[in-house]
Amino acid sequence: MTTPTTDPLHGVTLEQILNALVEHYEWSGLAERIDIRCFKSDPSIKSSLTFLRKTPWAREKVERLYTKLHRSKGW
């Protein structure tokens, strides 16, 4: 029997994380919280995923924001 994990990132893809953040904050709110050009200038899921997969520091910021949102919402 496996113990359930408390890690909010466990089993969640980067695309799911980004979609949840965009749904909650919208692109403008996301750009205010994380200063990344791909969130400000003609944002799209595809271009943002490409950037985040290649840029570890940016991905960490997105994952931290998702974790914070996850805990505040009690998902």
Protein backbone atom coordinates (compact mmCIF):
# COMPACT_ATOMS: atom_id res chain seq x y z
CA MET A 1 0.00 0.00 0.00
CA THR A 2 1.38 3.41 -0.94
CA THR A 3 1.19 6.48 1.22
CA PRO A 4 -0.57 9.44 -0.41
CA THR A 5 1.80 12.30 -1.16
CA THR A 6 1.27 15.81 0.15
CA ASP A 7 3.31 17.34 -2.66
CA PRO A 8 0.91 19.49 -4.72
CA LEU A 9 3.16 19.07 -7.78
CA HIS A 10 3.04 15.27 -7.69
CA GLY A 11 1.36 13.93 -10.83
CA VAL A 12 0.65 17.39 -12.24
CA THR A 13 2.13 18.40 -15.59
CA LEU A 14 3.61 21.81 -16.29
CA GLU A 15 0.79 22.40 -18.76
CA GLN A 16 -1.82 21.67 -16.07
CA ILE A 17 -0.04 24.02 -13.68
CA LEU A 18 0.08 26.81 -16.26
CA ASN A 19 -3.57 26.33 -17.25
CA ALA A 20 -4.65 26.49 -13.59
CA LEU A 21 -2.66 29.68 -13.01
CA VAL A 22 -4.00 31.35 -16.16
CA GLU A 23 -7.55 30.34 -15.24
CA HIS A 24 -7.16 31.81 -11.76
CA TYR A 25 -5.02 34.92 -12.39
CA GLU A 26 -5.45 35.43 -16.16
CA TRP A 27 -2.37 36.39 -18.17
CA SER A 28 -2.20 39.96 -16.82
CA GLY A 29 -2.31 38.83 -13.20
CA LEU A 30 0.25 36.14 -13.86
CA ALA A 31 2.56 38.70 -15.49
CA GLU A 32 2.23 40.95 -12.42
CA ARG A 33 3.26 38.12 -10.10
CA ILE A 34 6.04 36.66 -12.25
CA ASP A 35 7.98 39.12 -14.41
CA ILE A 36 8.48 37.01 -17.53
CA ARG A 37 8.08 38.44 -21.03
CA CYS A 38 6.22 35.38 -22.35
CA PHE A 39 3.40 36.22 -19.89
CA LYS A 40 3.27 39.87 -21.02
CA SER A 41 3.81 40.00 -24.77
CA ASP A 42 1.31 37.99 -26.82
CA PRO A 43 1.04 35.20 -24.22
CA SER A 44 0.06 31.66 -25.11
CA ILE A 45 0.23 28.31 -23.37
CA LYS A 46 2.48 26.86 -26.08
CA SER A 47 5.09 29.64 -26.06
CA SER A 48 5.10 29.79 -22.27
CA LEU A 49 5.59 26.03 -21.97
CA THR A 50 8.51 26.17 -24.39
CA PHE A 51 10.16 28.93 -22.36
CA LEU A 52 9.48 27.34 -18.97
CA ARG A 53 10.85 23.96 -20.04
CA LYS A 54 14.13 25.59 -21.09
CA THR A 55 14.43 28.01 -18.16
CA PRO A 56 14.68 26.35 -14.74
CA TRP A 57 14.52 29.57 -12.67
CA ALA A 58 11.28 30.62 -14.37
CA ARG A 59 9.76 27.16 -13.96
CA GLU A 60 10.59 27.24 -10.25
CA LYS A 61 8.76 30.56 -9.85
CA VAL A 62 5.70 29.17 -11.64
CA GLU A 63 5.74 26.01 -9.53
CA ARG A 64 6.07 28.07 -6.32
CA LEU A 65 3.10 30.24 -7.30
CA TYR A 66 1.05 27.14 -8.11
CA THR A 67 1.97 25.56 -4.76
CA LYS A 68 0.94 28.75 -2.95
CA LEU A 69 -2.37 28.86 -4.84
CA HIS A 70 -2.92 25.14 -4.22
CA ARG A 71 -2.52 25.57 -0.47
CA SER A 72 -4.67 28.71 -0.25
CA LYS A 73 -7.50 27.05 -2.20
CA GLY A 74 -7.21 23.77 -0.33
CA TRP A 75 -7.22 21.72 -3.53
